[in-house]
C-alpha atoms as a PDB file:
ATOM      1  CA  MET A   1       0.056   0.002  -0.151  1.00  0.00           C
ATOM      2  CA  ALA A   2       1.138   3.483  -0.899  1.00  0.00           C
ATOM      3  CA  ASP A   3       2.271   5.893   1.842  1.00  0.00           C
ATOM      4  CA  PHE A   4      -0.792   8.106   2.237  1.00  0.00           C
ATOM      5  CA  SER A   5       0.397  11.632   3.212  1.00  0.00           C
ATOM      6  CA  THR A   6      -2.443  14.434   3.723  1.00  0.00           C
ATOM      7  CA  PRO A   7      -1.373  17.485   1.947  1.00  0.00           C
ATOM      8  CA  THR A   8      -1.834  20.737   4.097  1.00  0.00           C
ATOM      9  CA  PHE A   9      -4.986  23.105   3.370  1.00  0.00           C
ATOM     10  CA  ALA A  10      -2.544  25.718   1.720  1.00  0.00           C
ATOM     11  CA  GLN A  11      -1.109  23.106  -0.806  1.00  0.00           C
ATOM     12  CA  VAL A  12      -4.607  21.951  -2.064  1.00  0.00           C
ATOM     13  CA  ASP A  13      -6.029  25.412  -1.946  1.00  0.00           C
ATOM     14  CA  ALA A  14      -3.184  26.791  -4.313  1.00  0.00           C
ATOM     15  CA  LEU A  15      -4.677  24.354  -7.127  1.00  0.00           C
ATOM     16  CA  PRO A  16      -7.496  25.746  -9.225  1.00  0.00           C
ATOM     17  CA  THR A  17     -10.899  25.636  -7.713  1.00  0.00           C
ATOM     18  CA  VAL A  18     -13.030  23.275  -9.591  1.00  0.00           C
ATOM     19  CA  LEU A  19     -16.346  23.488  -7.646  1.00  0.00           C
ATOM     20  CA  GLU A  20     -17.595  25.287  -4.514  1.00  0.00           C
ATOM     21  CA  ALA A  21     -20.715  24.657  -2.335  1.00  0.00           C
ATOM     22  CA  THR A  22     -22.124  25.255   1.074  1.00  0.00           C
ATOM     23  CA  VAL A  23     -23.648  22.228   2.723  1.00  0.00           C
ATOM     24  CA  PRO A  24     -27.487  22.504   2.696  1.00  0.00           C
ATOM     25  CA  GLN A  25     -29.709  20.854   5.020  1.00  0.00           C
ATOM     26  CA  ASP A  26     -30.965  18.081   2.450  1.00  0.00           C
ATOM     27  CA  TRP A  27     -27.271  16.747   2.425  1.00  0.00           C
ATOM     28  CA  ILE A  28     -27.337  16.029   6.127  1.00  0.00           C
ATOM     29  CA  ASP A  29     -27.818  12.712   7.526  1.00  0.00           C
ATOM     30  CA  GLU A  30     -28.749  11.052  10.655  1.00  0.00           C
ATOM     31  CA  ASN A  31     -25.247  11.769  12.139  1.00  0.00           C
ATOM     32  CA  GLY A  32     -25.456  15.544  11.629  1.00  0.00           C
ATOM     33  CA  HIS A  33     -23.022  15.856   8.923  1.00  0.00           C
ATOM     34  CA  MET A  34     -22.746  15.555   5.290  1.00  0.00           C
ATOM     35  CA  ASN A  35     -23.887  12.257   4.024  1.00  0.00           C
ATOM     36  CA  ILE A  36     -21.388   9.953   2.023  1.00  0.00           C
ATOM     37  CA  SER A  37     -23.177  10.287  -1.096  1.00  0.00           C
ATOM     38  CA  HIS A  38     -22.587  13.993  -1.412  1.00  0.00           C
ATOM     39  CA  PHE A  39     -18.788  13.536  -0.939  1.00  0.00           C
ATOM     40  CA  PHE A  40     -18.977  10.941  -4.038  1.00  0.00           C
ATOM     41  CA  ASP A  41     -21.133  13.424  -5.953  1.00  0.00           C
ATOM     42  CA  ILE A  42     -18.673  16.387  -5.167  1.00  0.00           C
ATOM     43  CA  GLY A  43     -15.677  14.322  -6.326  1.00  0.00           C
ATOM     44  CA  GLY A  44     -17.175  12.946  -9.360  1.00  0.00           C
ATOM     45  CA  GLU A  45     -18.579  16.142 -10.742  1.00  0.00           C
ATOM     46  CA  ALA A  46     -15.153  17.927 -10.011  1.00  0.00           C
ATOM     47  CA  ALA A  47     -13.370  15.350 -11.856  1.00  0.00           C
ATOM     48  CA  TRP A  48     -15.892  15.530 -14.723  1.00  0.00           C
ATOM     49  CA  LYS A  49     -15.322  19.379 -14.692  1.00  0.00           C
ATOM     50  CA  PHE A  50     -11.767  18.914 -14.942  1.00  0.00           C
ATOM     51  CA  CYS A  51     -11.974  16.534 -17.753  1.00  0.00           C
ATOM     52  CA  GLN A  52     -14.487  18.938 -19.667  1.00  0.00           C
ATOM     53  CA  GLY A  53     -11.802  21.561 -19.455  1.00  0.00           C
ATOM     54  CA  LEU A  54      -9.355  19.219 -21.150  1.00  0.00           C
ATOM     55  CA  GLY A  55     -11.656  18.722 -24.003  1.00  0.00           C
ATOM     56  CA  LEU A  56     -13.879  15.731 -22.906  1.00  0.00           C
ATOM     57  CA  GLN A  57     -16.993  16.843 -24.513  1.00  0.00           C
ATOM     58  CA  ARG A  58     -15.469  16.337 -27.866  1.00  0.00           C
ATOM     59  CA  LEU A  59     -14.991  12.652 -27.143  1.00  0.00           C
ATOM     60  CA  TYR A  60     -18.791  12.395 -26.977  1.00  0.00           C
ATOM     61  CA  GLU A  61     -19.316  14.214 -30.012  1.00  0.00           C
ATOM     62  CA  ALA A  62     -16.679  12.216 -32.278  1.00  0.00           C
ATOM     63  CA  GLU A  63     -17.537   9.738 -34.660  1.00  0.00           C
ATOM     64  CA  PRO A  64     -17.604   6.809 -33.618  1.00  0.00           C
ATOM     65  CA  PRO A  65     -18.662   8.494 -30.260  1.00  0.00           C
ATOM     66  CA  THR A  66     -16.515   7.730 -27.071  1.00  0.00           C
ATOM     67  CA  GLY A  67     -16.490   8.589 -23.459  1.00  0.00           C
ATOM     68  CA  LEU A  68     -15.367   7.830 -20.016  1.00  0.00           C
ATOM     69  CA  PHE A  69     -16.585   5.166 -17.727  1.00  0.00           C
ATOM     70  CA  THR A  70     -15.648   4.847 -14.043  1.00  0.00           C
ATOM     71  CA  THR A  71     -14.084   1.604 -13.238  1.00  0.00           C
ATOM     72  CA  GLU A  72     -12.744   2.275  -9.653  1.00  0.00           C
ATOM     73  CA  HIS A  73     -13.154   4.917  -6.820  1.00  0.00           C
ATOM     74  CA  HIS A  74     -12.104   5.412  -3.323  1.00  0.00           C
ATOM     75  CA  LEU A  75     -13.088   7.783  -0.701  1.00  0.00           C
ATOM     76  CA  THR A  76     -10.876   8.791   2.229  1.00  0.00           C
ATOM     77  CA  TYR A  77     -12.536  10.716   4.860  1.00  0.00           C
ATOM     78  CA  LEU A  78     -10.454  12.982   7.084  1.00  0.00           C
ATOM     79  CA  SER A  79     -12.903  15.325   8.508  1.00  0.00           C
ATOM     80  CA  GLU A  80     -16.617  15.705   8.619  1.00  0.00           C
ATOM     81  CA  LEU A  81     -18.548  18.714   6.914  1.00  0.00           C
ATOM     82  CA  ARG A  82     -21.826  20.023   8.742  1.00  0.00           C
ATOM     83  CA  LEU A  83     -24.683  22.275   7.829  1.00  0.00           C
ATOM     84  CA  GLY A  84     -23.795  25.610   6.316  1.00  0.00           C
ATOM     85  CA  GLU A  85     -20.240  24.846   5.955  1.00  0.00           C
ATOM     86  CA  ARG A  86     -18.335  26.198   2.918  1.00  0.00           C
ATOM     87  CA  LEU A  87     -16.346  23.442   0.748  1.00  0.00           C
ATOM     88  CA  SER A  88     -14.285  23.494  -2.286  1.00  0.00           C
ATOM     89  CA  ALA A  89     -12.989  20.916  -4.516  1.00  0.00           C
ATOM     90  CA  HIS A  90      -9.582  20.580  -6.541  1.00  0.00           C
ATOM     91  CA  VAL A  91      -8.383  18.023  -8.895  1.00  0.00           C
ATOM     92  CA  ARG A  92      -5.099  16.412  -9.414  1.00  0.00           C
ATOM     93  CA  CYS A  93      -4.265  14.228 -12.467  1.00  0.00           C
ATOM     94  CA  VAL A  94      -2.095  11.471 -10.963  1.00  0.00           C
ATOM     95  CA  ASP A  95      -1.377   9.030 -13.981  1.00  0.00           C
ATOM     96  CA  VAL A  96      -2.579   8.453 -17.433  1.00  0.00           C
ATOM     97  CA  GLY A  97      -2.164   5.322 -19.683  1.00  0.00           C
ATOM     98  CA  PRO A  98      -3.314   4.427 -23.251  1.00  0.00           C
ATOM     99  CA  LYS A  99      -6.724   3.792 -22.294  1.00  0.00           C
ATOM    100  CA  SER A 100      -7.353   5.273 -18.777  1.00  0.00           C
ATOM    101  CA  VAL A 101      -6.703   8.069 -16.126  1.00  0.00           C
ATOM    102  CA  HIS A 102      -6.143   8.568 -12.458  1.00  0.00           C
ATOM    103  CA  LEU A 103      -7.403  11.447 -10.807  1.00  0.00           C
ATOM    104  CA  ILE A 104      -8.045  12.507  -7.267  1.00  0.00           C
ATOM    105  CA  THR A 105     -10.523  15.256  -6.196  1.00  0.00           C
ATOM    106  CA  LEU A 106      -9.518  17.116  -2.953  1.00  0.00           C
ATOM    107  CA  ILE A 107     -12.436  18.396  -1.041  1.00  0.00           C
ATOM    108  CA  LEU A 108     -11.480  21.257   1.331  1.00  0.00           C
ATOM    109  CA  ASP A 109     -13.295  22.165   4.598  1.00  0.00           C
ATOM    110  CA  ARG A 110     -13.045  26.104   4.100  1.00  0.00           C
ATOM    111  CA  GLU A 111     -14.408  26.720   7.723  1.00  0.00           C
ATOM    112  CA  ARG A 112     -11.653  24.845   9.402  1.00  0.00           C
ATOM    113  CA  GLU A 113      -9.025  25.234   6.609  1.00  0.00           C
ATOM    114  CA  ARG A 114      -8.125  21.534   6.400  1.00  0.00           C
ATOM    115  CA  VAL A 115      -8.626  18.753   3.804  1.00  0.00           C
ATOM    116  CA  ALA A 116     -11.933  16.803   4.436  1.00  0.00           C
ATOM    117  CA  THR A 117     -11.744  14.260   1.845  1.00  0.00           C
ATOM    118  CA  VAL A 118      -9.860  12.474  -1.120  1.00  0.00           C
ATOM    119  CA  PHE A 119     -11.934  11.074  -3.655  1.00  0.00           C
ATOM    120  CA  GLU A 120      -9.880   8.904  -6.207  1.00  0.00           C
ATOM    121  CA  VAL A 121     -11.331   7.858  -9.474  1.00  0.00           C
ATOM    122  CA  VAL A 122      -9.847   5.765 -12.253  1.00  0.00           C
ATOM    123  CA  LEU A 123     -11.703   6.486 -15.650  1.00  0.00           C
ATOM    124  CA  VAL A 124     -11.316   4.373 -18.743  1.00  0.00           C
ATOM    125  CA  HIS A 125     -11.925   5.676 -22.432  1.00  0.00           C
ATOM    126  CA  VAL A 126     -14.545   3.738 -24.044  1.00  0.00           C
ATOM    127  CA  ASP A 127     -15.727   3.334 -27.707  1.00  0.00           C
ATOM    128  CA  MET A 128     -19.426   3.806 -27.315  1.00  0.00           C
ATOM    129  CA  THR A 129     -20.362   1.804 -30.378  1.00  0.00           C
ATOM    130  CA  ALA A 130     -18.330  -1.255 -29.515  1.00  0.00           C
ATOM    131  CA  ARG A 131     -18.628  -0.726 -25.502  1.00  0.00           C
ATOM    132  CA  LYS A 132     -15.005  -1.451 -25.185  1.00  0.00           C
ATOM    133  CA  ALA A 133     -11.755   0.367 -23.731  1.00  0.00           C
ATOM    134  CA  ALA A 134     -10.098   2.234 -26.573  1.00  0.00           C
ATOM    135  CA  ALA A 135      -7.079   4.197 -26.746  1.00  0.00           C
ATOM    136  CA  PHE A 136      -7.447   8.223 -25.918  1.00  0.00           C
ATOM    137  CA  PRO A 137      -7.354  10.397 -29.161  1.00  0.00           C
ATOM    138  CA  GLU A 138      -4.051  11.848 -29.266  1.00  0.00           C
ATOM    139  CA  GLU A 139      -5.244  15.429 -28.294  1.00  0.00           C
ATOM    140  CA  PHE A 140      -6.805  14.308 -25.323  1.00  0.00           C
ATOM    141  CA  ARG A 141      -4.065  12.056 -24.242  1.00  0.00           C
ATOM    142  CA  GLU A 142      -1.554  14.791 -24.847  1.00  0.00           C
ATOM    143  CA  ALA A 143      -3.686  17.259 -22.550  1.00  0.00           C
ATOM    144  CA  LEU A 144      -3.902  14.371 -20.027  1.00  0.00           C
ATOM    145  CA  GLU A 145      -0.201  13.860 -20.141  1.00  0.00           C
ATOM    146  CA  ALA A 146       0.480  17.455 -19.604  1.00  0.00           C
ATOM    147  CA  ALA A 147      -1.741  17.725 -16.568  1.00  0.00           C
ATOM    148  CA  VAL A 148       0.120  14.712 -15.079  1.00  0.00           C
ATOM    149  CA  ALA A 149       3.478  16.484 -15.710  1.00  0.00           C
ATOM    150  CA  ALA A 150       1.818  19.607 -13.887  1.00  0.00           C
ATOM    151  CA  ASP A 151       0.954  17.468 -11.045  1.00  0.00           C
ATOM    152  CA  GLY A 152       4.323  15.998 -10.684  1.00  0.00           C
ATOM    153  CA  ASP A 153       5.717  19.653 -10.554  1.00  0.00           C
ATOM    154  CA  LEU A 154       3.639  20.355  -7.379  1.00  0.00           C
ATOM    155  CA  GLY A 155       6.397  19.185  -4.830  1.00  0.00           C
ATOM    156  CA  TRP A 156       3.964  17.182  -2.618  1.00  0.00           C
ATOM    157  CA  PRO A 157       2.801  13.544  -3.124  1.00  0.00           C
ATOM    158  CA  ALA A 158      -0.608  12.941  -4.218  1.00  0.00           C
ATOM    159  CA  PRO A 159      -2.659  11.340  -1.484  1.00  0.00           C
ATOM    160  CA  VAL A 160      -3.553   8.102  -3.150  1.00  0.00           C
ATOM    161  CA  CYS A 161      -4.922   4.852  -1.472  1.00  0.00           C
ATOM    162  CA  GLY A 162      -2.383   2.625  -3.203  1.00  0.00           C
ATOM    163  CA  ALA A 163      -4.948   0.142  -4.080  1.00  0.00           C
ATOM    164  CA  MET A 164      -5.946   1.516  -7.517  1.00  0.00           C
ATOM    165  CA  GLY A 165      -4.488   3.113 -10.605  1.00  0.00           C
ATOM    166  CA  VAL A 166      -3.769   2.964 -14.348  1.00  0.00           C
ATOM    167  CA  ARG A 167      -3.372  -0.328 -15.968  1.00  0.00           C
ATOM    168  CA  ARG A 168      -0.617  -0.346 -18.641  1.00  0.00           C
END
């Protein structure tokens, strides 16, 4: 298993903010904090917005159409979020292979200035006609590779669980 090292609030906050929210009442569960499903939703939505920023929408408009399927995800909870608290989501591109990409969404607790959650996801590029994994188009793969290179320049390790990643 990888050495999980939690980044500081300042390290994560220096990354572009992909999504911001304030925890509403309907996200609160019986324990008085944000329910698990909303951590997953925020992590997934932020990863999606990150990919859209790299041109993902063109994959779905291509001929034949292609897209991304989630094959694995992992949530690491570090602190709870409660009613009315502000959060932000920030994405790192950890690794890319010929057909898949490994991303993490870091969710910040803006009230206490700490990392609340790490959402990891592996996405596979799929030919929507054949319904099988397919190599990324060159333009999108190059954008992902540039994001991985930028991630490597951050100077702090990505807090990954070590149980998942890109298959080569």
